[in-house]
Amino acid sequence: MHHKKQEEEAFWAKQKSRIELFYHYNYIGINSFTYTKTHKLPTGTYVIEGYVNDNPQLSFNANADPNTNFEGEGGESAELSEMVKPQYAAQTKSVSQILKEKKKSEPSK
């Protein structure tokens, strides 16, 4: 039973790092994250709720499928959506796209 709990904690930790990468990359002025709730929907989707910059008005809920991880799905407050970088206003980059770009820009060893 203990192993299952560890797996779940590792899953949430990974999703949180993906959420932070997504918002830092696609949005302006993101400094900190506060997570308020994690739960699983009857559909099996995991949801992480929280807000940024110590401001509950800048809230988000991020959806993570248990098989694919968080990519950018979910919702956010109108105040937070106003912070999206102009170049991503029409379409934010998914976490996989961001990671692919980062890999490309790293000097090869």
N, C-alpha and C. Protein backbone atom coordinates (compact mmCIF):
# COMPACT_ATOMS: atom_id res chain seq x y z
N MET A 1 0.83 -1.21 0.00
CA MET A 1 0.00 0.00 0.00
C MET A 1 0.86 1.26 0.00
N HIS A 2 1.95 1.20 0.78
CA HIS A 2 2.85 2.36 0.89
C HIS A 2 3.43 2.72 -0.47
N HIS A 3 3.75 1.72 -1.27
CA HIS A 3 4.35 1.93 -2.60
C HIS A 3 3.41 2.74 -3.50
N LYS A 4 2.12 2.42 -3.44
CA LYS A 4 1.11 3.13 -4.24
C LYS A 4 1.10 4.61 -3.89
N LYS A 5 1.19 4.93 -2.61
CA LYS A 5 1.19 6.31 -2.14
C LYS A 5 2.42 7.04 -2.68
N GLN A 6 3.57 6.39 -2.65
CA GLN A 6 4.81 6.99 -3.19
C GLN A 6 4.68 7.26 -4.69
N GLU A 7 4.10 6.31 -5.40
CA GLU A 7 3.89 6.49 -6.84
C GLU A 7 3.00 7.69 -7.11
N GLU A 8 1.93 7.81 -6.34
CA GLU A 8 1.00 8.91 -6.51
C GLU A 8 1.69 10.25 -6.21
N GLU A 9 2.48 10.30 -5.15
CA GLU A 9 3.20 11.54 -4.81
C GLU A 9 4.19 11.91 -5.90
N ALA A 10 4.85 10.92 -6.46
CA ALA A 10 5.80 11.17 -7.55
C ALA A 10 5.05 11.71 -8.77
N PHE A 11 3.86 11.14 -9.05
CA PHE A 11 3.04 11.59 -10.17
C PHE A 11 2.67 13.06 -9.98
N TRP A 12 2.17 13.43 -8.79
CA TRP A 12 1.76 14.83 -8.54
C TRP A 12 2.96 15.76 -8.66
N ALA A 13 4.10 15.34 -8.13
CA ALA A 13 5.31 16.19 -8.18
C ALA A 13 5.72 16.44 -9.64
N LYS A 14 5.65 15.40 -10.46
CA LYS A 14 6.01 15.55 -11.88
C LYS A 14 5.04 16.50 -12.58
N GLN A 15 3.74 16.36 -12.29
CA GLN A 15 2.75 17.24 -12.92
C GLN A 15 2.98 18.68 -12.52
N LYS A 16 3.30 18.91 -11.25
CA LYS A 16 3.53 20.28 -10.77
C LYS A 16 4.73 20.90 -11.49
N SER A 17 5.78 20.13 -11.71
CA SER A 17 6.94 20.70 -12.42
C SER A 17 6.57 21.00 -13.87
N ARG A 18 5.71 20.17 -14.47
CA ARG A 18 5.27 20.42 -15.85
C ARG A 18 4.37 21.66 -15.91
N ILE A 19 3.51 21.82 -14.91
CA ILE A 19 2.64 23.00 -14.84
C ILE A 19 3.50 24.27 -14.75
N GLU A 20 4.50 24.24 -13.89
CA GLU A 20 5.37 25.40 -13.71
C GLU A 20 6.12 25.72 -14.99
N LEU A 21 6.62 24.71 -15.67
CA LEU A 21 7.32 24.92 -16.95
C LEU A 21 6.36 25.57 -17.96
N PHE A 22 5.15 25.04 -18.05
CA PHE A 22 4.14 25.56 -18.99
C PHE A 22 3.85 27.04 -18.74
N TYR A 23 3.58 27.40 -17.49
CA TYR A 23 3.21 28.79 -17.20
C TYR A 23 4.41 29.74 -17.30
N HIS A 24 5.59 29.30 -16.87
CA HIS A 24 6.77 30.17 -17.01
C HIS A 24 7.07 30.46 -18.48
N TYR A 25 6.88 29.46 -19.33
CA TYR A 25 7.20 29.61 -20.75
C TYR A 25 6.18 30.45 -21.50
N ASN A 26 4.90 30.24 -21.24
CA ASN A 26 3.83 30.85 -22.03
C ASN A 26 3.29 32.17 -21.46
N TYR A 27 3.63 32.48 -20.22
CA TYR A 27 3.03 33.65 -19.56
C TYR A 27 4.10 34.62 -19.07
N ILE A 28 3.68 35.88 -18.87
CA ILE A 28 4.57 36.94 -18.41
C ILE A 28 4.42 37.10 -16.89
N GLY A 29 5.52 37.30 -16.21
CA GLY A 29 5.47 37.69 -14.81
C GLY A 29 5.04 36.64 -13.82
N ILE A 30 5.27 35.37 -14.12
CA ILE A 30 4.93 34.30 -13.18
C ILE A 30 6.11 34.11 -12.24
N ASN A 31 5.87 34.30 -10.94
CA ASN A 31 6.97 34.21 -9.98
C ASN A 31 6.84 33.03 -9.02
N SER A 32 5.61 32.71 -8.62
CA SER A 32 5.45 31.63 -7.65
C SER A 32 4.15 30.87 -7.89
N PHE A 33 4.09 29.67 -7.35
CA PHE A 33 2.91 28.81 -7.49
C PHE A 33 2.42 28.40 -6.11
N THR A 34 1.12 28.40 -5.93
CA THR A 34 0.50 27.87 -4.72
C THR A 34 -0.50 26.83 -5.19
N TYR A 35 -0.36 25.60 -4.70
CA TYR A 35 -1.29 24.54 -5.07
C TYR A 35 -2.30 24.37 -3.95
N THR A 36 -3.58 24.35 -4.31
CA THR A 36 -4.63 24.33 -3.30
C THR A 36 -5.37 23.00 -3.22
N LYS A 37 -5.40 22.24 -4.32
CA LYS A 37 -6.19 21.02 -4.30
C LYS A 37 -5.75 20.09 -5.42
N THR A 38 -5.71 18.79 -5.13
CA THR A 38 -5.49 17.79 -6.16
C THR A 38 -6.60 16.75 -6.01
N HIS A 39 -7.17 16.34 -7.11
CA HIS A 39 -8.20 15.31 -7.05
C HIS A 39 -8.31 14.59 -8.39
N LYS A 40 -9.05 13.50 -8.38
CA LYS A 40 -9.22 12.69 -9.58
C LYS A 40 -10.70 12.72 -9.96
N LEU A 41 -10.97 13.00 -11.22
CA LEU A 41 -12.35 13.02 -11.73
C LEU A 41 -12.82 11.58 -12.00
N PRO A 42 -14.14 11.37 -12.04
CA PRO A 42 -14.64 10.03 -12.35
C PRO A 42 -14.13 9.49 -13.69
N THR A 43 -13.76 10.39 -14.60
CA THR A 43 -13.24 9.97 -15.92
C THR A 43 -11.81 9.45 -15.83
N GLY A 44 -11.16 9.63 -14.67
CA GLY A 44 -9.78 9.19 -14.52
C GLY A 44 -8.78 10.32 -14.68
N THR A 45 -9.25 11.49 -15.11
CA THR A 45 -8.37 12.65 -15.27
C THR A 45 -7.99 13.20 -13.89
N TYR A 46 -6.73 13.53 -13.73
CA TYR A 46 -6.26 14.16 -12.49
C TYR A 46 -6.33 15.67 -12.66
N VAL A 47 -6.70 16.36 -11.59
CA VAL A 47 -6.81 17.82 -11.64
C VAL A 47 -6.00 18.42 -10.50
N ILE A 48 -5.20 19.41 -10.84
CA ILE A 48 -4.44 20.15 -9.83
C ILE A 48 -4.91 21.59 -9.91
N GLU A 49 -5.35 22.11 -8.77
CA GLU A 49 -5.83 23.49 -8.72
C GLU A 49 -4.85 24.34 -7.93
N GLY A 50 -4.78 25.61 -8.31
CA GLY A 50 -3.89 26.51 -7.58
C GLY A 50 -3.94 27.90 -8.17
N TYR A 51 -2.96 28.70 -7.80
CA TYR A 51 -2.85 30.07 -8.32
C TYR A 51 -1.40 30.50 -8.31
N VAL A 52 -1.12 31.62 -8.98
CA VAL A 52 0.26 32.09 -9.10
C VAL A 52 0.44 33.43 -8.39
N ASN A 53 1.70 33.74 -8.11
CA ASN A 53 2.10 35.04 -7.55
C ASN A 53 1.35 35.41 -6.27
N ASP A 54 1.04 34.43 -5.44
CA ASP A 54 0.34 34.65 -4.17
C ASP A 54 -0.99 35.39 -4.34
N ASN A 55 -1.60 35.26 -5.53
CA ASN A 55 -2.84 35.98 -5.82
C ASN A 55 -3.93 34.99 -6.24
N PRO A 56 -4.89 34.71 -5.34
CA PRO A 56 -5.96 33.77 -5.68
C PRO A 56 -6.78 34.18 -6.91
N GLN A 57 -6.71 35.45 -7.32
CA GLN A 57 -7.39 35.88 -8.55
C GLN A 57 -6.73 35.29 -9.79
N LEU A 58 -5.46 34.91 -9.67
CA LEU A 58 -4.70 34.35 -10.80
C LEU A 58 -4.72 32.82 -10.69
N SER A 59 -5.92 32.25 -10.77
CA SER A 59 -6.07 30.82 -10.51
C SER A 59 -6.06 29.98 -11.78
N PHE A 60 -5.75 28.70 -11.59
CA PHE A 60 -5.75 27.75 -12.70
C PHE A 60 -6.21 26.40 -12.19
N ASN A 61 -6.67 25.57 -13.11
CA ASN A 61 -6.82 24.15 -12.82
C ASN A 61 -6.22 23.42 -14.01
N ALA A 62 -5.32 22.52 -13.70
CA ALA A 62 -4.56 21.80 -14.72
C ALA A 62 -5.01 20.35 -14.76
N ASN A 63 -5.29 19.85 -15.95
CA ASN A 63 -5.73 18.47 -16.10
C ASN A 63 -4.59 17.60 -16.60
N ALA A 64 -4.44 16.44 -15.97
CA ALA A 64 -3.41 15.49 -16.38
C ALA A 64 -4.04 14.13 -16.56
N ASP A 65 -3.88 13.58 -17.74
CA ASP A 65 -4.35 12.23 -18.00
C ASP A 65 -3.32 11.28 -17.37
N PRO A 66 -3.75 10.23 -16.69
CA PRO A 66 -2.79 9.35 -16.02
C PRO A 66 -1.77 8.71 -16.97
N ASN A 67 -2.10 8.64 -18.26
CA ASN A 67 -1.19 8.00 -19.22
C ASN A 67 -0.30 8.98 -19.98
N THR A 68 -0.62 10.28 -19.93
CA THR A 68 0.13 11.21 -20.79
C THR A 68 0.76 12.40 -20.07
N ASN A 69 0.42 12.67 -18.82
CA ASN A 69 0.94 13.84 -18.10
C ASN A 69 0.28 15.15 -18.55
N PHE A 70 0.52 16.20 -17.79
CA PHE A 70 -0.01 17.53 -18.09
C PHE A 70 0.69 18.10 -19.33
N GLU A 71 -0.11 18.59 -20.28
CA GLU A 71 0.43 19.20 -21.49
C GLU A 71 0.02 20.67 -21.63
N GLY A 72 -0.93 21.12 -20.85
CA GLY A 72 -1.42 22.48 -21.00
C GLY A 72 -2.94 22.54 -20.92
N GLU A 73 -3.59 21.39 -20.73
CA GLU A 73 -5.04 21.35 -20.66
C GLU A 73 -5.51 21.85 -19.30
N GLY A 74 -6.70 22.41 -19.29
CA GLY A 74 -7.28 22.87 -18.04
C GLY A 74 -7.95 24.21 -18.24
N GLY A 75 -8.05 24.97 -17.19
CA GLY A 75 -8.68 26.28 -17.27
C GLY A 75 -7.97 27.26 -16.38
N GLU A 76 -8.32 28.53 -16.54
CA GLU A 76 -7.69 29.56 -15.72
C GLU A 76 -8.63 30.75 -15.62
N SER A 77 -8.34 31.59 -14.63
CA SER A 77 -9.14 32.79 -14.44
C SER A 77 -8.87 33.78 -15.57
N ALA A 78 -9.82 34.68 -15.79
CA ALA A 78 -9.64 35.72 -16.82
C ALA A 78 -8.40 36.55 -16.52
N GLU A 79 -8.14 36.81 -15.23
CA GLU A 79 -6.96 37.61 -14.85
C GLU A 79 -5.67 36.91 -15.26
N LEU A 80 -5.61 35.60 -15.05
CA LEU A 80 -4.40 34.87 -15.42
C LEU A 80 -4.26 34.80 -16.94
N SER A 81 -5.36 34.61 -17.66
CA SER A 81 -5.25 34.51 -19.12
C SER A 81 -4.78 35.82 -19.75
N GLU A 82 -4.95 36.94 -19.06
CA GLU A 82 -4.44 38.21 -19.57
C GLU A 82 -2.91 38.28 -19.50
N MET A 83 -2.28 37.36 -18.77
CA MET A 83 -0.82 37.37 -18.62
C MET A 83 -0.11 36.52 -19.67
N VAL A 84 -0.88 35.92 -20.58
CA VAL A 84 -0.24 35.10 -21.61
C VAL A 84 0.64 36.00 -22.49
N LYS A 85 1.80 35.48 -22.88
CA LYS A 85 2.70 36.26 -23.74
C LYS A 85 2.02 36.50 -25.08
N PRO A 86 2.19 37.70 -25.66
CA PRO A 86 1.50 38.02 -26.92
C PRO A 86 1.71 36.98 -28.02
N GLN A 87 2.91 36.44 -28.13
CA GLN A 87 3.18 35.48 -29.21
C GLN A 87 2.44 34.16 -29.00
N TYR A 88 1.92 33.92 -27.79
CA TYR A 88 1.18 32.68 -27.53
C TYR A 88 -0.30 32.93 -27.27
N ALA A 89 -0.76 34.15 -27.57
CA ALA A 89 -2.16 34.50 -27.31
C ALA A 89 -3.13 33.59 -28.06
N ALA A 90 -2.80 33.24 -29.29
CA ALA A 90 -3.68 32.39 -30.09
C ALA A 90 -3.54 30.93 -29.68
N GLN A 91 -2.32 30.51 -29.37
CA GLN A 91 -2.07 29.10 -29.05
C GLN A 91 -0.84 28.99 -28.17
N THR A 92 -1.02 28.50 -26.94
CA THR A 92 0.13 28.30 -26.07
C THR A 92 0.87 27.04 -26.51
N LYS A 93 2.13 26.95 -26.14
CA LYS A 93 2.92 25.76 -26.47
C LYS A 93 2.66 24.70 -25.41
N SER A 94 2.55 23.46 -25.85
CA SER A 94 2.36 22.36 -24.90
C SER A 94 3.69 22.06 -24.21
N VAL A 95 3.61 21.33 -23.10
CA VAL A 95 4.82 20.99 -22.36
C VAL A 95 5.77 20.18 -23.26
N SER A 96 5.22 19.25 -24.04
CA SER A 96 6.08 18.45 -24.93
C SER A 96 6.80 19.32 -25.96
N GLN A 97 6.10 20.32 -26.51
CA GLN A 97 6.73 21.24 -27.48
C GLN A 97 7.84 22.03 -26.79
N ILE A 98 7.59 22.49 -25.57
CA ILE A 98 8.60 23.28 -24.84
C ILE A 98 9.83 22.42 -24.57
N LEU A 99 9.62 21.18 -24.11
CA LEU A 99 10.74 20.29 -23.81
C LEU A 99 11.53 19.96 -25.08
N LYS A 100 10.85 19.78 -26.19
CA LYS A 100 11.51 19.50 -27.47
C LYS A 100 12.39 20.68 -27.87
N GLU A 101 11.85 21.90 -27.72
CA GLU A 101 12.61 23.11 -28.05
C GLU A 101 13.83 23.26 -27.16
N LYS A 102 13.64 23.01 -25.86
CA LYS A 102 14.76 23.12 -24.92
C LYS A 102 15.87 22.14 -25.28
N LYS A 103 15.48 20.94 -25.66
CA LYS A 103 16.46 19.92 -26.04
C LYS A 103 17.25 20.37 -27.27
N LYS A 104 16.55 20.96 -28.25
CA LYS A 104 17.20 21.45 -29.46
C LYS A 104 18.20 22.55 -29.17
N SER A 105 17.83 23.44 -28.24
CA SER A 105 18.68 24.61 -27.98
C SER A 105 19.86 24.29 -27.06
N GLU A 106 19.83 23.11 -26.43
CA GLU A 106 20.96 22.73 -25.57
C GLU A 106 22.13 22.32 -26.46
N PRO A 107 23.34 22.73 -26.07
CA PRO A 107 24.50 22.30 -26.87
C PRO A 107 24.65 20.79 -26.77
N SER A 108 24.87 20.13 -27.90
CA SER A 108 25.01 18.67 -27.85
C SER A 108 26.38 18.29 -27.29
N LYS A 109 26.38 17.23 -26.54
CA LYS A 109 27.61 16.80 -25.87
C LYS A 109 28.37 15.82 -26.72
